[in-house]
PDB file of all heavy atoms in Angstrom:
ATOM      1  N   LEU A   1      26.675 -37.356 -65.087  1.00  0.00           N
ATOM      2  CA  LEU A   1      27.633 -36.643 -64.246  1.00  0.00           C
ATOM      3  C   LEU A   1      28.076 -37.549 -63.107  1.00  0.00           C
ATOM      4  O   LEU A   1      27.266 -38.295 -62.549  1.00  0.00           O
ATOM      5  CB  LEU A   1      27.006 -35.375 -63.662  1.00  0.00           C
ATOM      6  CG  LEU A   1      26.584 -34.283 -64.638  1.00  0.00           C
ATOM      7  CD1 LEU A   1      25.945 -33.119 -63.880  1.00  0.00           C
ATOM      8  CD2 LEU A   1      27.767 -33.793 -65.457  1.00  0.00           C
ATOM      9  N   VAL A   2      29.337 -37.470 -62.761  1.00  0.00           N
ATOM     10  CA  VAL A   2      29.883 -38.257 -61.654  1.00  0.00           C
ATOM     11  C   VAL A   2      30.360 -37.290 -60.576  1.00  0.00           C
ATOM     12  O   VAL A   2      31.158 -36.385 -60.845  1.00  0.00           O
ATOM     13  CB  VAL A   2      31.053 -39.142 -62.117  1.00  0.00           C
ATOM     14  CG1 VAL A   2      31.566 -39.978 -60.946  1.00  0.00           C
ATOM     15  CG2 VAL A   2      30.631 -40.038 -63.275  1.00  0.00           C
ATOM     16  N   ALA A   3      29.862 -37.484 -59.358  1.00  0.00           N
ATOM     17  CA  ALA A   3      30.245 -36.630 -58.226  1.00  0.00           C
ATOM     18  C   ALA A   3      30.653 -37.493 -57.040  1.00  0.00           C
ATOM     19  O   ALA A   3      30.159 -38.620 -56.876  1.00  0.00           O
ATOM     20  CB  ALA A   3      29.089 -35.713 -57.825  1.00  0.00           C
ATOM     21  N   GLY A   4      31.535 -36.956 -56.225  1.00  0.00           N
ATOM     22  CA  GLY A   4      31.934 -37.660 -55.013  1.00  0.00           C
ATOM     23  C   GLY A   4      30.872 -37.536 -53.936  1.00  0.00           C
ATOM     24  O   GLY A   4      30.265 -36.480 -53.770  1.00  0.00           O
ATOM     25  N   ARG A   5      30.658 -38.616 -53.208  1.00  0.00           N
ATOM     26  CA  ARG A   5      29.723 -38.573 -52.080  1.00  0.00           C
ATOM     27  C   ARG A   5      30.274 -37.694 -50.959  1.00  0.00           C
ATOM     28  O   ARG A   5      29.532 -37.000 -50.272  1.00  0.00           O
ATOM     29  CB  ARG A   5      29.460 -39.989 -51.570  1.00  0.00           C
ATOM     30  CG  ARG A   5      28.638 -40.055 -50.287  1.00  0.00           C
ATOM     31  CD  ARG A   5      27.234 -39.519 -50.511  1.00  0.00           C
ATOM     32  NE  ARG A   5      26.468 -39.483 -49.274  1.00  0.00           N
ATOM     33  CZ  ARG A   5      26.472 -38.474 -48.419  1.00  0.00           C
ATOM     34  NH1 ARG A   5      27.228 -37.406 -48.673  1.00  0.00           N
ATOM     35  NH2 ARG A   5      25.742 -38.490 -47.333  1.00  0.00           N
ATOM     36  N   HIS A   6      31.584 -37.738 -50.780  1.00  0.00           N
ATOM     37  CA  HIS A   6      32.212 -36.940 -49.729  1.00  0.00           C
ATOM     38  C   HIS A   6      33.404 -36.149 -50.247  1.00  0.00           C
ATOM     39  O   HIS A   6      33.487 -34.942 -50.061  1.00  0.00           O
ATOM     40  CB  HIS A   6      32.689 -37.832 -48.586  1.00  0.00           C
ATOM     41  CG  HIS A   6      31.598 -38.605 -47.930  1.00  0.00           C
ATOM     42  ND1 HIS A   6      30.631 -38.016 -47.146  1.00  0.00           N
ATOM     43  CD2 HIS A   6      31.295 -39.933 -47.961  1.00  0.00           C
ATOM     44  CE1 HIS A   6      29.787 -38.939 -46.700  1.00  0.00           C
ATOM     45  NE2 HIS A   6      30.177 -40.109 -47.178  1.00  0.00           N
ATOM     46  N   TRP A   7      34.326 -36.850 -50.901  1.00  0.00           N
ATOM     47  CA  TRP A   7      35.667 -36.309 -51.068  1.00  0.00           C
ATOM     48  C   TRP A   7      35.902 -35.742 -52.455  1.00  0.00           C
ATOM     49  O   TRP A   7      35.537 -36.330 -53.456  1.00  0.00           O
ATOM     50  CB  TRP A   7      36.712 -37.395 -50.759  1.00  0.00           C
ATOM     51  CG  TRP A   7      36.496 -37.996 -49.418  1.00  0.00           C
ATOM     52  CD1 TRP A   7      35.878 -39.175 -49.115  1.00  0.00           C
ATOM     53  CD2 TRP A   7      36.834 -37.411 -48.166  1.00  0.00           C
ATOM     54  NE1 TRP A   7      35.839 -39.369 -47.762  1.00  0.00           N
ATOM     55  CE2 TRP A   7      36.412 -38.298 -47.147  1.00  0.00           C
ATOM     56  CE3 TRP A   7      37.464 -36.209 -47.796  1.00  0.00           C
ATOM     57  CZ2 TRP A   7      36.602 -38.026 -45.799  1.00  0.00           C
ATOM     58  CZ3 TRP A   7      37.656 -35.946 -46.454  1.00  0.00           C
ATOM     59  CH2 TRP A   7      37.226 -36.846 -45.473  1.00  0.00           C
ATOM     60  N   GLY A   8      36.555 -34.588 -52.480  1.00  0.00           N
ATOM     61  CA  GLY A   8      36.909 -33.941 -53.738  1.00  0.00           C
ATOM     62  C   GLY A   8      38.398 -33.710 -53.815  1.00  0.00           C
ATOM     63  O   GLY A   8      39.174 -34.161 -52.972  1.00  0.00           O
ATOM     64  N   GLY A   9      38.802 -32.983 -54.849  1.00  0.00           N
ATOM     65  CA  GLY A   9      40.209 -32.673 -55.036  1.00  0.00           C
ATOM     66  C   GLY A   9      40.369 -31.528 -56.010  1.00  0.00           C
ATOM     67  O   GLY A   9      39.403 -30.937 -56.501  1.00  0.00           O
ATOM     68  N   PHE A  10      41.612 -31.245 -56.310  1.00  0.00           N
ATOM     69  CA  PHE A  10      42.018 -30.124 -57.157  1.00  0.00           C
ATOM     70  C   PHE A  10      41.280 -30.110 -58.492  1.00  0.00           C
ATOM     71  O   PHE A  10      40.975 -29.062 -59.047  1.00  0.00           O
ATOM     72  CB  PHE A  10      43.530 -30.256 -57.377  1.00  0.00           C
ATOM     73  CG  PHE A  10      44.172 -29.124 -58.107  1.00  0.00           C
ATOM     74  CD1 PHE A  10      44.228 -27.862 -57.558  1.00  0.00           C
ATOM     75  CD2 PHE A  10      44.762 -29.332 -59.345  1.00  0.00           C
ATOM     76  CE1 PHE A  10      44.849 -26.821 -58.219  1.00  0.00           C
ATOM     77  CE2 PHE A  10      45.388 -28.291 -60.016  1.00  0.00           C
ATOM     78  CZ  PHE A  10      45.442 -27.046 -59.451  1.00  0.00           C
ATOM     79  N   GLN A  11      40.987 -31.295 -59.016  1.00  0.00           N
ATOM     80  CA  GLN A  11      40.444 -31.452 -60.361  1.00  0.00           C
ATOM     81  C   GLN A  11      38.920 -31.584 -60.390  1.00  0.00           C
ATOM     82  O   GLN A  11      38.343 -31.873 -61.434  1.00  0.00           O
ATOM     83  CB  GLN A  11      41.060 -32.680 -61.031  1.00  0.00           C
ATOM     84  CG  GLN A  11      40.757 -34.003 -60.328  1.00  0.00           C
ATOM     85  CD  GLN A  11      41.474 -34.187 -59.003  1.00  0.00           C
ATOM     86  OE1 GLN A  11      42.650 -33.876 -58.875  1.00  0.00           O
ATOM     87  NE2 GLN A  11      40.763 -34.675 -58.020  1.00  0.00           N
ATOM     88  N   ASP A  12      38.258 -31.374 -59.261  1.00  0.00           N
ATOM     89  CA  ASP A  12      36.801 -31.520 -59.164  1.00  0.00           C
ATOM     90  C   ASP A  12      36.142 -30.151 -59.027  1.00  0.00           C
ATOM     91  O   ASP A  12      36.763 -29.195 -58.556  1.00  0.00           O
ATOM     92  CB  ASP A  12      36.429 -32.393 -57.959  1.00  0.00           C
ATOM     93  CG  ASP A  12      37.079 -33.766 -58.021  1.00  0.00           C
ATOM     94  OD1 ASP A  12      37.350 -34.244 -59.144  1.00  0.00           O
ATOM     95  OD2 ASP A  12      37.316 -34.368 -56.956  1.00  0.00           O
ATOM     96  N   GLY A  13      34.858 -30.068 -59.403  1.00  0.00           N
ATOM     97  CA  GLY A  13      34.237 -28.757 -59.428  1.00  0.00           C
ATOM     98  C   GLY A  13      32.775 -28.706 -59.068  1.00  0.00           C
ATOM     99  O   GLY A  13      32.212 -29.654 -58.513  1.00  0.00           O
ATOM    100  N   VAL A  14      32.152 -27.580 -59.409  1.00  0.00           N
ATOM    101  CA  VAL A  14      30.785 -27.242 -59.011  1.00  0.00           C
ATOM    102  C   VAL A  14      29.927 -27.057 -60.263  1.00  0.00           C
ATOM    103  O   VAL A  14      30.386 -26.508 -61.271  1.00  0.00           O
ATOM    104  CB  VAL A  14      30.771 -25.933 -58.183  1.00  0.00           C
ATOM    105  CG1 VAL A  14      29.347 -25.485 -57.890  1.00  0.00           C
ATOM    106  CG2 VAL A  14      31.562 -26.102 -56.896  1.00  0.00           C
ATOM    107  N   ILE A  15      28.676 -27.518 -60.194  1.00  0.00           N
ATOM    108  CA  ILE A  15      27.666 -27.244 -61.219  1.00  0.00           C
ATOM    109  C   ILE A  15      26.400 -26.773 -60.522  1.00  0.00           C
ATOM    110  O   ILE A  15      25.931 -27.426 -59.581  1.00  0.00           O
ATOM    111  CB  ILE A  15      27.344 -28.495 -62.068  1.00  0.00           C
ATOM    112  CG1 ILE A  15      28.556 -28.919 -62.895  1.00  0.00           C
ATOM    113  CG2 ILE A  15      26.144 -28.224 -62.995  1.00  0.00           C
ATOM    114  CD1 ILE A  15      28.350 -30.224 -63.646  1.00  0.00           C
ATOM    115  N   ASP A  16      25.842 -25.657 -60.969  1.00  0.00           N
ATOM    116  CA  ASP A  16      24.524 -25.198 -60.529  1.00  0.00           C
ATOM    117  C   ASP A  16      23.531 -25.422 -61.660  1.00  0.00           C
ATOM    118  O   ASP A  16      23.819 -25.108 -62.816  1.00  0.00           O
ATOM    119  CB  ASP A  16      24.552 -23.708 -60.162  1.00  0.00           C
ATOM    120  CG  ASP A  16      25.024 -23.463 -58.741  1.00  0.00           C
ATOM    121  OD1 ASP A  16      25.436 -24.434 -58.070  1.00  0.00           O
ATOM    122  OD2 ASP A  16      25.005 -22.293 -58.307  1.00  0.00           O
ATOM    123  N   MET A  17      22.345 -25.899 -61.309  1.00  0.00           N
ATOM    124  CA  MET A  17      21.325 -26.192 -62.316  1.00  0.00           C
ATOM    125  C   MET A  17      20.356 -25.030 -62.529  1.00  0.00           C
ATOM    126  O   MET A  17      19.472 -25.099 -63.384  1.00  0.00           O
ATOM    127  CB  MET A  17      20.555 -27.460 -61.927  1.00  0.00           C
ATOM    128  CG  MET A  17      21.409 -28.724 -61.892  1.00  0.00           C
ATOM    129  SD  MET A  17      22.303 -29.055 -63.436  1.00  0.00           S
ATOM    130  CE  MET A  17      20.955 -29.152 -64.615  1.00  0.00           C
ATOM    131  N   SER A  18      20.501 -23.972 -61.772  1.00  0.00           N
ATOM    132  CA  SER A  18      19.649 -22.794 -61.950  1.00  0.00           C
ATOM    133  C   SER A  18      20.340 -21.581 -61.354  1.00  0.00           C
ATOM    134  O   SER A  18      21.398 -21.693 -60.721  1.00  0.00           O
ATOM    135  CB  SER A  18      18.278 -23.005 -61.290  1.00  0.00           C
ATOM    136  OG  SER A  18      18.420 -23.179 -59.888  1.00  0.00           O
ATOM    137  N   GLY A  19      19.725 -20.399 -61.547  1.00  0.00           N
ATOM    138  CA  GLY A  19      20.267 -19.174 -60.967  1.00  0.00           C
ATOM    139  C   GLY A  19      21.496 -18.678 -61.702  1.00  0.00           C
ATOM    140  O   GLY A  19      21.842 -19.118 -62.802  1.00  0.00           O
ATOM    141  N   GLU A  20      22.186 -17.741 -61.086  1.00  0.00           N
ATOM    142  CA  GLU A  20      23.350 -17.104 -61.669  1.00  0.00           C
ATOM    143  C   GLU A  20      24.443 -18.112 -62.014  1.00  0.00           C
ATOM    144  O   GLU A  20      25.128 -17.987 -63.027  1.00  0.00           O
ATOM    145  CB  GLU A  20      23.900 -16.048 -60.696  1.00  0.00           C
ATOM    146  CG  GLU A  20      25.196 -15.379 -61.110  1.00  0.00           C
ATOM    147  CD  GLU A  20      25.057 -14.469 -62.327  1.00  0.00           C
ATOM    148  OE1 GLU A  20      23.911 -14.177 -62.733  1.00  0.00           O
ATOM    149  OE2 GLU A  20      26.098 -14.046 -62.863  1.00  0.00           O
ATOM    150  N   GLY A  21      24.603 -19.122 -61.173  1.00  0.00           N
ATOM    151  CA  GLY A  21      25.684 -20.087 -61.394  1.00  0.00           C
ATOM    152  C   GLY A  21      25.479 -20.999 -62.574  1.00  0.00           C
ATOM    153  O   GLY A  21      26.445 -21.590 -63.075  1.00  0.00           O
ATOM    154  N   GLN A  22      24.248 -21.133 -63.047  1.00  0.00           N
ATOM    155  CA  GLN A  22      23.960 -22.072 -64.127  1.00  0.00           C
ATOM    156  C   GLN A  22      24.723 -21.735 -65.402  1.00  0.00           C
ATOM    157  O   GLN A  22      25.146 -22.622 -66.144  1.00  0.00           O
ATOM    158  CB  GLN A  22      22.450 -22.083 -64.408  1.00  0.00           C
ATOM    159  CG  GLN A  22      22.024 -23.073 -65.473  1.00  0.00           C
ATOM    160  CD  GLN A  22      20.549 -22.928 -65.836  1.00  0.00           C
ATOM    161  OE1 GLN A  22      19.968 -21.857 -65.672  1.00  0.00           O
ATOM    162  NE2 GLN A  22      19.937 -23.994 -66.325  1.00  0.00           N
ATOM    163  N   LYS A  23      24.929 -20.449 -65.647  1.00  0.00           N
ATOM    164  CA  LYS A  23      25.518 -20.012 -66.911  1.00  0.00           C
ATOM    165  C   LYS A  23      27.018 -20.294 -67.007  1.00  0.00           C
ATOM    166  O   LYS A  23      27.594 -20.222 -68.099  1.00  0.00           O
ATOM    167  CB  LYS A  23      25.284 -18.523 -67.112  1.00  0.00           C
ATOM    168  CG  LYS A  23      26.085 -17.631 -66.161  1.00  0.00           C
ATOM    169  CD  LYS A  23      25.757 -16.162 -66.365  1.00  0.00           C
ATOM    170  CE  LYS A  23      26.630 -15.268 -65.493  1.00  0.00           C
ATOM    171  NZ  LYS A  23      26.275 -13.849 -65.637  1.00  0.00           N
ATOM    172  N   TYR A  24      27.648 -20.646 -65.896  1.00  0.00           N
ATOM    173  CA  TYR A  24      29.097 -20.780 -65.890  1.00  0.00           C
ATOM    174  C   TYR A  24      29.597 -22.123 -66.410  1.00  0.00           C
ATOM    175  O   TYR A  24      30.802 -22.295 -66.604  1.00  0.00           O
ATOM    176  CB  TYR A  24      29.650 -20.555 -64.471  1.00  0.00           C
ATOM    177  CG  TYR A  24      29.678 -19.106 -64.063  1.00  0.00           C
ATOM    178  CD1 TYR A  24      28.636 -18.540 -63.342  1.00  0.00           C
ATOM    179  CD2 TYR A  24      30.755 -18.291 -64.407  1.00  0.00           C
ATOM    180  CE1 TYR A  24      28.655 -17.201 -62.957  1.00  0.00           C
ATOM    181  CE2 TYR A  24      30.795 -16.955 -64.034  1.00  0.00           C
ATOM    182  CZ  TYR A  24      29.733 -16.420 -63.308  1.00  0.00           C
ATOM    183  OH  TYR A  24      29.770 -15.096 -62.949  1.00  0.00           O
ATOM    184  N   THR A  25      28.707 -23.081 -66.589  1.00  0.00           N
ATOM    185  CA  THR A  25      29.134 -24.376 -67.095  1.00  0.00           C
ATOM    186  C   THR A  25      28.072 -24.939 -68.013  1.00  0.00           C
ATOM    187  O   THR A  25      26.866 -24.808 -67.758  1.00  0.00           O
ATOM    188  CB  THR A  25      29.442 -25.370 -65.947  1.00  0.00           C
ATOM    189  OG1 THR A  25      29.646 -26.680 -66.486  1.00  0.00           O
ATOM    190  CG2 THR A  25      28.341 -25.402 -64.916  1.00  0.00           C
ATOM    191  N   TYR A  26      28.493 -25.555 -69.084  1.00  0.00           N
ATOM    192  CA  TYR A  26      27.592 -26.079 -70.105  1.00  0.00           C
ATOM    193  C   TYR A  26      26.590 -27.068 -69.510  1.00  0.00           C
ATOM    194  O   TYR A  26      25.450 -27.169 -69.953  1.00  0.00           O
ATOM    195  CB  TYR A  26      28.433 -26.766 -71.188  1.00  0.00           C
ATOM    196  CG  TYR A  26      27.650 -27.221 -72.386  1.00  0.00           C
ATOM    197  CD1 TYR A  26      27.291 -26.331 -73.388  1.00  0.00           C
ATOM    198  CD2 TYR A  26      27.269 -28.547 -72.525  1.00  0.00           C
ATOM    199  CE1 TYR A  26      26.578 -26.748 -74.503  1.00  0.00           C
ATOM    200  CE2 TYR A  26      26.558 -28.980 -73.632  1.00  0.00           C
ATOM    201  CZ  TYR A  26      26.216 -28.065 -74.618  1.00  0.00           C
ATOM    202  OH  TYR A  26      25.498 -28.486 -75.717  1.00  0.00           O
ATOM    203  N   PHE A  27      27.006 -27.787 -68.486  1.00  0.00           N
ATOM    204  CA  PHE A  27      26.209 -28.893 -67.962  1.00  0.00           C
ATOM    205  C   PHE A  27      25.041 -28.434 -67.098  1.00  0.00           C
ATOM    206  O   PHE A  27      24.146 -29.224 -66.800  1.00  0.00           O
ATOM    207  CB  PHE A  27      27.118 -29.876 -67.217  1.00  0.00           C
ATOM    208  CG  PHE A  27      28.199 -30.396 -68.116  1.00  0.00           C
ATOM    209  CD1 PHE A  27      29.464 -29.813 -68.112  1.00  0.00           C
ATOM    210  CD2 PHE A  27      27.946 -31.402 -69.015  1.00  0.00           C
ATOM    211  CE1 PHE A  27      30.444 -30.248 -68.982  1.00  0.00           C
ATOM    212  CE2 PHE A  27      28.918 -31.858 -69.888  1.00  0.00           C
ATOM    213  CZ  PHE A  27      30.172 -31.276 -69.866  1.00  0.00           C
ATOM    214  N   GLY A  28      25.030 -27.145 -66.736  1.00  0.00           N
ATOM    215  CA  GLY A  28      23.867 -26.604 -66.052  1.00  0.00           C
ATOM    216  C   GLY A  28      22.650 -26.514 -66.952  1.00  0.00           C
ATOM    217  O   GLY A  28      21.521 -26.362 -66.468  1.00  0.00           O
ATOM    218  N   GLY A  29      22.846 -26.634 -68.261  1.00  0.00           N
ATOM    219  CA  GLY A  29      21.743 -26.554 -69.208  1.00  0.00           C
ATOM    220  C   GLY A  29      21.310 -27.888 -69.767  1.00  0.00           C
ATOM    221  O   GLY A  29      20.480 -27.937 -70.686  1.00  0.00           O
ATOM    222  N   LEU A  30      21.862 -28.997 -69.236  1.00  0.00           N
ATOM    223  CA  LEU A  30      21.523 -30.327 -69.731  1.00  0.00           C
ATOM    224  C   LEU A  30      20.650 -31.091 -68.740  1.00  0.00           C
ATOM    225  O   LEU A  30      20.613 -30.774 -67.542  1.00  0.00           O
ATOM    226  CB  LEU A  30      22.801 -31.141 -69.981  1.00  0.00           C
ATOM    227  CG  LEU A  30      23.768 -30.621 -71.038  1.00  0.00           C
ATOM    228  CD1 LEU A  30      24.950 -31.577 -71.166  1.00  0.00           C
ATOM    229  CD2 LEU A  30      23.092 -30.441 -72.383  1.00  0.00           C
ATOM    230  N   ASN A  31      19.953 -32.090 -69.245  1.00  0.00           N
ATOM    231  CA  ASN A  31      19.276 -33.060 -68.389  1.00  0.00           C
ATOM    232  C   ASN A  31      20.317 -34.080 -67.942  1.00  0.00           C
ATOM    233  O   ASN A  31      20.905 -34.771 -68.781  1.00  0.00           O
ATOM    234  CB  ASN A  31      18.152 -33.757 -69.161  1.00  0.00           C
ATOM    235  CG  ASN A  31      17.068 -32.793 -69.582  1.00  0.00           C
ATOM    236  OD1 ASN A  31      16.397 -32.188 -68.756  1.00  0.00           O
ATOM    237  ND2 ASN A  31      16.894 -32.624 -70.892  1.00  0.00           N
TER     238      ASN A  31
END
């Protein structure tokens, strides 16, 4: 996964690795 240290934009997003948010993206279930 590639994430910005500071700056984001329209095309960037969020991943949660646990909890309710984990189910919203496939990558919350990967190593």
